[in-house]
């Protein structure tokens, strides 16, 4: 993780950190959680932090 990614990680709520790290590692979180959780996390990350987990890193 770069320093910027580490700072972003620390600023995220605990419930979104796992999704963020999974996405950073190159995995698609869509296949690792329920559909509802994926879209809720995607919306939170995109609207509050500008991170779109629908697109690869």
N, C-alpha and C. Protein backbone atom coordinates (compact mmCIF):
# COMPACT_ATOMS: atom_id res chain seq x y z
N UNK A 1 0.83 -1.18 0.00
CA UNK A 1 0.00 0.00 0.00
C UNK A 1 0.88 1.24 0.00
N UNK A 2 0.48 2.21 -0.79
CA UNK A 2 1.18 3.48 -0.76
C UNK A 2 0.76 4.26 0.48
N UNK A 3 1.46 5.35 0.74
CA UNK A 3 1.10 6.16 1.91
C UNK A 3 -0.30 6.75 1.76
N UNK A 4 -0.66 7.16 0.55
CA UNK A 4 -2.00 7.71 0.32
C UNK A 4 -3.07 6.65 0.56
N UNK A 5 -2.82 5.43 0.11
CA UNK A 5 -3.77 4.34 0.32
C UNK A 5 -3.88 4.00 1.81
N UNK A 6 -2.78 4.08 2.52
CA UNK A 6 -2.81 3.82 3.97
C UNK A 6 -3.64 4.89 4.69
N UNK A 7 -3.46 6.15 4.30
CA UNK A 7 -4.25 7.22 4.91
C UNK A 7 -5.73 7.07 4.61
N UNK A 8 -6.03 6.71 3.37
CA UNK A 8 -7.43 6.47 3.01
C UNK A 8 -8.01 5.34 3.84
N UNK A 9 -7.24 4.27 3.98
CA UNK A 9 -7.67 3.12 4.77
C UNK A 9 -8.01 3.53 6.20
N UNK A 10 -7.16 4.33 6.81
CA UNK A 10 -7.36 4.75 8.19
C UNK A 10 -8.56 5.69 8.35
N UNK A 11 -8.90 6.41 7.30
CA UNK A 11 -10.04 7.33 7.36
C UNK A 11 -11.38 6.63 7.14
N UNK A 12 -11.34 5.44 6.58
CA UNK A 12 -12.58 4.72 6.30
C UNK A 12 -13.18 4.15 7.57
N UNK A 13 -14.51 4.05 7.60
CA UNK A 13 -15.15 3.34 8.71
C UNK A 13 -14.72 1.86 8.67
N UNK A 14 -14.71 1.23 9.81
CA UNK A 14 -14.27 -0.16 9.91
C UNK A 14 -15.05 -1.07 8.96
N UNK A 15 -16.34 -0.83 8.79
CA UNK A 15 -17.16 -1.71 7.95
C UNK A 15 -16.78 -1.65 6.47
N UNK A 16 -16.07 -0.59 6.04
CA UNK A 16 -15.69 -0.47 4.63
C UNK A 16 -14.24 -0.85 4.36
N UNK A 17 -13.45 -1.00 5.40
CA UNK A 17 -12.02 -1.27 5.23
C UNK A 17 -11.73 -2.58 4.52
N UNK A 18 -12.44 -3.63 4.88
CA UNK A 18 -12.22 -4.93 4.23
C UNK A 18 -12.53 -4.88 2.75
N UNK A 19 -13.60 -4.21 2.40
CA UNK A 19 -13.98 -4.07 0.99
C UNK A 19 -12.91 -3.29 0.24
N UNK A 20 -12.42 -2.21 0.84
CA UNK A 20 -11.39 -1.38 0.20
C UNK A 20 -10.10 -2.17 -0.02
N UNK A 21 -9.64 -2.90 0.99
CA UNK A 21 -8.40 -3.67 0.86
C UNK A 21 -8.56 -4.79 -0.16
N UNK A 22 -9.70 -5.44 -0.15
CA UNK A 22 -9.96 -6.50 -1.13
C UNK A 22 -9.87 -5.94 -2.54
N UNK A 23 -10.47 -4.79 -2.76
CA UNK A 23 -10.44 -4.13 -4.06
C UNK A 23 -9.01 -3.72 -4.44
N UNK A 24 -8.25 -3.19 -3.47
CA UNK A 24 -6.86 -2.80 -3.75
C UNK A 24 -6.01 -3.99 -4.15
N UNK A 25 -6.31 -5.15 -3.59
CA UNK A 25 -5.54 -6.36 -3.89
C UNK A 25 -5.88 -6.92 -5.27
N UNK A 26 -6.87 -6.33 -5.93
CA UNK A 26 -7.20 -6.76 -7.28
C UNK A 26 -8.37 -7.73 -7.37
N UNK A 27 -9.00 -8.02 -6.25
CA UNK A 27 -10.16 -8.90 -6.26
C UNK A 27 -11.42 -8.08 -6.47
N UNK A 28 -12.41 -8.69 -7.06
CA UNK A 28 -13.69 -8.02 -7.26
C UNK A 28 -14.57 -8.33 -6.04
N UNK A 29 -14.84 -7.34 -5.20
CA UNK A 29 -15.64 -7.58 -4.00
C UNK A 29 -17.05 -8.07 -4.30
N UNK A 30 -17.52 -7.87 -5.51
CA UNK A 30 -18.86 -8.30 -5.90
C UNK A 30 -19.06 -9.79 -5.65
N UNK A 31 -18.00 -10.56 -5.86
CA UNK A 31 -18.10 -12.01 -5.74
C UNK A 31 -17.81 -12.51 -4.32
N UNK A 32 -17.51 -11.61 -3.40
CA UNK A 32 -17.13 -12.00 -2.05
C UNK A 32 -18.14 -11.60 -0.98
N UNK A 33 -19.22 -10.97 -1.39
CA UNK A 33 -20.23 -10.51 -0.43
C UNK A 33 -21.59 -10.54 -1.09
N UNK A 34 -22.61 -10.32 -0.31
CA UNK A 34 -23.95 -10.31 -0.89
C UNK A 34 -24.09 -9.11 -1.83
N UNK A 35 -25.00 -9.24 -2.75
CA UNK A 35 -25.23 -8.18 -3.73
C UNK A 35 -25.61 -6.87 -3.04
N UNK A 36 -26.47 -6.96 -2.04
CA UNK A 36 -26.92 -5.76 -1.33
C UNK A 36 -25.76 -5.06 -0.62
N UNK A 37 -24.91 -5.86 0.03
CA UNK A 37 -23.76 -5.30 0.74
C UNK A 37 -22.79 -4.65 -0.25
N UNK A 38 -22.54 -5.33 -1.36
CA UNK A 38 -21.64 -4.78 -2.38
C UNK A 38 -22.12 -3.41 -2.83
N UNK A 39 -23.38 -3.29 -3.20
CA UNK A 39 -23.88 -2.01 -3.71
C UNK A 39 -23.95 -0.94 -2.62
N UNK A 40 -24.21 -1.33 -1.40
CA UNK A 40 -24.21 -0.37 -0.29
C UNK A 40 -22.79 0.14 -0.05
N UNK A 41 -21.81 -0.76 -0.05
CA UNK A 41 -20.41 -0.36 0.14
C UNK A 41 -19.92 0.48 -1.04
N UNK A 42 -20.31 0.08 -2.24
CA UNK A 42 -19.90 0.85 -3.42
C UNK A 42 -20.43 2.28 -3.33
N UNK A 43 -21.69 2.41 -2.98
CA UNK A 43 -22.30 3.74 -2.86
C UNK A 43 -21.60 4.58 -1.79
N UNK A 44 -21.35 3.99 -0.64
CA UNK A 44 -20.67 4.71 0.44
C UNK A 44 -19.26 5.14 0.03
N UNK A 45 -18.50 4.22 -0.54
CA UNK A 45 -17.13 4.53 -0.94
C UNK A 45 -17.09 5.58 -2.05
N UNK A 46 -18.01 5.50 -2.98
CA UNK A 46 -18.02 6.44 -4.10
C UNK A 46 -18.49 7.82 -3.67
N UNK A 47 -19.58 7.90 -2.94
CA UNK A 47 -20.14 9.21 -2.61
C UNK A 47 -19.34 9.95 -1.53
N UNK A 48 -18.78 9.22 -0.59
CA UNK A 48 -18.09 9.87 0.54
C UNK A 48 -16.58 9.98 0.36
N UNK A 49 -15.99 9.06 -0.44
CA UNK A 49 -14.53 9.01 -0.54
C UNK A 49 -14.02 9.03 -1.98
N UNK A 50 -14.91 9.02 -2.95
CA UNK A 50 -14.49 9.08 -4.36
C UNK A 50 -13.82 7.81 -4.86
N UNK A 51 -14.08 6.69 -4.22
CA UNK A 51 -13.50 5.40 -4.61
C UNK A 51 -14.58 4.56 -5.27
N UNK A 52 -14.34 4.18 -6.53
CA UNK A 52 -15.30 3.36 -7.25
C UNK A 52 -14.79 1.93 -7.38
N UNK A 53 -15.30 1.04 -6.57
CA UNK A 53 -14.83 -0.34 -6.55
C UNK A 53 -15.33 -1.14 -7.75
N UNK A 54 -16.15 -0.53 -8.59
CA UNK A 54 -16.62 -1.22 -9.80
C UNK A 54 -15.54 -1.23 -10.86
N UNK A 55 -14.54 -0.38 -10.72
CA UNK A 55 -13.44 -0.30 -11.69
C UNK A 55 -12.17 -0.85 -11.06
N UNK A 56 -11.41 -1.56 -11.86
CA UNK A 56 -10.15 -2.15 -11.38
C UNK A 56 -9.15 -1.06 -11.01
N UNK A 57 -8.25 -1.40 -10.12
CA UNK A 57 -7.18 -0.46 -9.68
C UNK A 57 -6.15 -0.38 -10.77
